[in-house]
């Protein structure tokens, strides 16, 4: 997705400077780590909060899905139809995730 917004010369210079600084930071990080990342890199300065929030969201989503699947046989009606209806409840989430991943991507 491109925004096609016109950029004047001053903004272009600022963008080039930022990209050059990012390239230097990346190469310095690669020299320190040898180009390889470890699990501990997720908890470095600036990433620890995001990592913990994502872990909490992941665990709560998994526990919720697991609890719903365990309770399928307790619902009234056919167990297999209830299971299919429970799985259909996930479809809006998949559509939302696909749309947001396409729109937001990995940028901040």
C-alpha atoms as a PDB file:
ATOM      1  CA  UNK A   1       0.000   0.000   0.000  1.00  0.00           C
ATOM      2  CA  UNK A   2       1.411   3.379  -0.984  1.00  0.00           C
ATOM      3  CA  UNK A   3       0.155   6.720   0.223  1.00  0.00           C
ATOM      4  CA  UNK A   4       1.467   8.705  -2.808  1.00  0.00           C
ATOM      5  CA  UNK A   5       1.844  11.853  -0.708  1.00  0.00           C
ATOM      6  CA  UNK A   6       4.189  14.416  -2.260  1.00  0.00           C
ATOM      7  CA  UNK A   7       7.429  14.964  -0.342  1.00  0.00           C
ATOM      8  CA  UNK A   8       9.353  18.220  -0.512  1.00  0.00           C
ATOM      9  CA  UNK A   9      13.163  18.382  -0.542  1.00  0.00           C
ATOM     10  CA  UNK A  10      13.523  19.056   3.214  1.00  0.00           C
ATOM     11  CA  UNK A  11      11.355  16.060   4.081  1.00  0.00           C
ATOM     12  CA  UNK A  12      13.307  13.940   1.592  1.00  0.00           C
ATOM     13  CA  UNK A  13      16.597  14.831   3.283  1.00  0.00           C
ATOM     14  CA  UNK A  14      15.107  14.022   6.691  1.00  0.00           C
ATOM     15  CA  UNK A  15      13.890  10.647   5.428  1.00  0.00           C
ATOM     16  CA  UNK A  16      17.315   9.853   3.949  1.00  0.00           C
ATOM     17  CA  UNK A  17      19.019  10.763   7.238  1.00  0.00           C
ATOM     18  CA  UNK A  18      16.645   8.532   9.218  1.00  0.00           C
ATOM     19  CA  UNK A  19      17.163   5.629   6.824  1.00  0.00           C
ATOM     20  CA  UNK A  20      20.944   6.039   6.984  1.00  0.00           C
ATOM     21  CA  UNK A  21      20.832   6.083  10.811  1.00  0.00           C
ATOM     22  CA  UNK A  22      18.645   2.951  10.823  1.00  0.00           C
ATOM     23  CA  UNK A  23      21.038   1.182   8.462  1.00  0.00           C
ATOM     24  CA  UNK A  24      23.968   2.032  10.750  1.00  0.00           C
ATOM     25  CA  UNK A  25      22.060   0.858  13.842  1.00  0.00           C
ATOM     26  CA  UNK A  26      21.128  -2.397  12.122  1.00  0.00           C
ATOM     27  CA  UNK A  27      24.678  -3.132  11.011  1.00  0.00           C
ATOM     28  CA  UNK A  28      25.993  -2.364  14.522  1.00  0.00           C
ATOM     29  CA  UNK A  29      23.451  -4.779  16.005  1.00  0.00           C
ATOM     30  CA  UNK A  30      24.401  -7.445  13.460  1.00  0.00           C
ATOM     31  CA  UNK A  31      28.084  -7.023  14.328  1.00  0.00           C
ATOM     32  CA  UNK A  32      27.340  -7.473  18.041  1.00  0.00           C
ATOM     33  CA  UNK A  33      25.121 -10.513  17.610  1.00  0.00           C
ATOM     34  CA  UNK A  34      26.789 -11.949  14.557  1.00  0.00           C
ATOM     35  CA  UNK A  35      23.550 -11.498  12.610  1.00  0.00           C
ATOM     36  CA  UNK A  36      21.733 -14.038  14.798  1.00  0.00           C
ATOM     37  CA  UNK A  37      18.974 -13.241  17.235  1.00  0.00           C
ATOM     38  CA  UNK A  38      18.097 -15.156  20.363  1.00  0.00           C
ATOM     39  CA  UNK A  39      14.971 -15.432  22.502  1.00  0.00           C
ATOM     40  CA  UNK A  40      16.505 -12.942  24.932  1.00  0.00           C
ATOM     41  CA  UNK A  41      16.431 -10.242  22.240  1.00  0.00           C
ATOM     42  CA  UNK A  42      12.646 -10.045  22.684  1.00  0.00           C
ATOM     43  CA  UNK A  43      13.201  -8.745  26.221  1.00  0.00           C
ATOM     44  CA  UNK A  44      15.760  -6.051  25.423  1.00  0.00           C
ATOM     45  CA  UNK A  45      15.087  -2.388  26.075  1.00  0.00           C
ATOM     46  CA  UNK A  46      12.010  -1.256  24.164  1.00  0.00           C
ATOM     47  CA  UNK A  47      10.754  -4.747  23.357  1.00  0.00           C
ATOM     48  CA  UNK A  48      10.035  -6.236  26.781  1.00  0.00           C
ATOM     49  CA  UNK A  49       6.660  -4.516  27.239  1.00  0.00           C
ATOM     50  CA  UNK A  50       5.457  -5.460  23.766  1.00  0.00           C
ATOM     51  CA  UNK A  51       6.629  -9.032  24.222  1.00  0.00           C
ATOM     52  CA  UNK A  52       4.832  -9.406  27.553  1.00  0.00           C
ATOM     53  CA  UNK A  53       1.606  -7.885  26.191  1.00  0.00           C
ATOM     54  CA  UNK A  54       1.666 -10.216  23.174  1.00  0.00           C
ATOM     55  CA  UNK A  55       2.338 -13.217  25.414  1.00  0.00           C
ATOM     56  CA  UNK A  56      -0.587 -12.272  27.669  1.00  0.00           C
ATOM     57  CA  UNK A  57      -2.912 -11.852  24.664  1.00  0.00           C
ATOM     58  CA  UNK A  58      -1.800 -15.170  23.207  1.00  0.00           C
ATOM     59  CA  UNK A  59      -2.288 -17.069  26.492  1.00  0.00           C
ATOM     60  CA  UNK A  60      -5.706 -15.519  27.170  1.00  0.00           C
ATOM     61  CA  UNK A  61      -6.880 -16.333  23.623  1.00  0.00           C
ATOM     62  CA  UNK A  62      -5.694 -19.931  23.860  1.00  0.00           C
ATOM     63  CA  UNK A  63      -7.250 -20.451  27.289  1.00  0.00           C
ATOM     64  CA  UNK A  64     -10.553 -18.976  26.096  1.00  0.00           C
ATOM     65  CA  UNK A  65     -10.657 -21.204  23.006  1.00  0.00           C
ATOM     66  CA  UNK A  66      -9.741 -24.248  25.059  1.00  0.00           C
ATOM     67  CA  UNK A  67     -12.461 -23.489  27.632  1.00  0.00           C
ATOM     68  CA  UNK A  68     -15.080 -23.092  24.892  1.00  0.00           C
ATOM     69  CA  UNK A  69     -14.053 -26.358  23.246  1.00  0.00           C
ATOM     70  CA  UNK A  70     -14.191 -28.209  26.555  1.00  0.00           C
ATOM     71  CA  UNK A  71     -17.712 -26.916  27.177  1.00  0.00           C
ATOM     72  CA  UNK A  72     -19.124 -27.945  23.763  1.00  0.00           C
ATOM     73  CA  UNK A  73     -20.658 -31.159  25.059  1.00  0.00           C
ATOM     74  CA  UNK A  74     -22.389 -29.246  27.882  1.00  0.00           C
ATOM     75  CA  UNK A  75     -24.407 -27.171  25.415  1.00  0.00           C
ATOM     76  CA  UNK A  76     -27.916 -28.228  24.428  1.00  0.00           C
ATOM     77  CA  UNK A  77     -28.244 -29.971  21.050  1.00  0.00           C
ATOM     78  CA  UNK A  78     -25.989 -32.113  18.943  1.00  0.00           C
ATOM     79  CA  UNK A  79     -22.343 -32.079  20.043  1.00  0.00           C
ATOM     80  CA  UNK A  80     -21.000 -31.971  16.475  1.00  0.00           C
ATOM     81  CA  UNK A  81     -23.238 -29.085  15.415  1.00  0.00           C
ATOM     82  CA  UNK A  82     -22.257 -27.191  18.556  1.00  0.00           C
ATOM     83  CA  UNK A  83     -18.600 -27.789  17.724  1.00  0.00           C
ATOM     84  CA  UNK A  84     -19.106 -26.430  14.189  1.00  0.00           C
ATOM     85  CA  UNK A  85     -20.935 -23.377  15.548  1.00  0.00           C
ATOM     86  CA  UNK A  86     -18.116 -22.774  18.007  1.00  0.00           C
ATOM     87  CA  UNK A  87     -15.592 -22.903  15.180  1.00  0.00           C
ATOM     88  CA  UNK A  88     -17.729 -20.509  13.098  1.00  0.00           C
ATOM     89  CA  UNK A  89     -17.386 -17.963  15.903  1.00  0.00           C
ATOM     90  CA  UNK A  90     -13.683 -17.725  14.999  1.00  0.00           C
ATOM     91  CA  UNK A  91     -14.362 -16.622  11.403  1.00  0.00           C
ATOM     92  CA  UNK A  92     -14.969 -12.912  12.220  1.00  0.00           C
ATOM     93  CA  UNK A  93     -11.676 -12.874  14.095  1.00  0.00           C
ATOM     94  CA  UNK A  94      -9.838 -14.364  11.109  1.00  0.00           C
ATOM     95  CA  UNK A  95     -11.377 -11.794   8.755  1.00  0.00           C
ATOM     96  CA  UNK A  96     -10.478  -8.968  11.144  1.00  0.00           C
ATOM     97  CA  UNK A  97      -6.901 -10.195  11.536  1.00  0.00           C
ATOM     98  CA  UNK A  98      -6.458 -10.538   7.768  1.00  0.00           C
ATOM     99  CA  UNK A  99      -7.822  -7.037   7.149  1.00  0.00           C
ATOM    100  CA  UNK A 100      -5.719  -5.431   9.870  1.00  0.00           C
ATOM    101  CA  UNK A 101      -2.523  -7.269   8.914  1.00  0.00           C
ATOM    102  CA  UNK A 102      -2.982  -6.121   5.338  1.00  0.00           C
ATOM    103  CA  UNK A 103      -3.721  -2.542   6.363  1.00  0.00           C
ATOM    104  CA  UNK A 104      -1.265  -2.075   9.238  1.00  0.00           C
ATOM    105  CA  UNK A 105       1.486  -4.475   8.276  1.00  0.00           C
ATOM    106  CA  UNK A 106       4.561  -4.390  10.473  1.00  0.00           C
ATOM    107  CA  UNK A 107       4.950  -0.611  10.633  1.00  0.00           C
ATOM    108  CA  UNK A 108       4.334   1.370  13.792  1.00  0.00           C
END
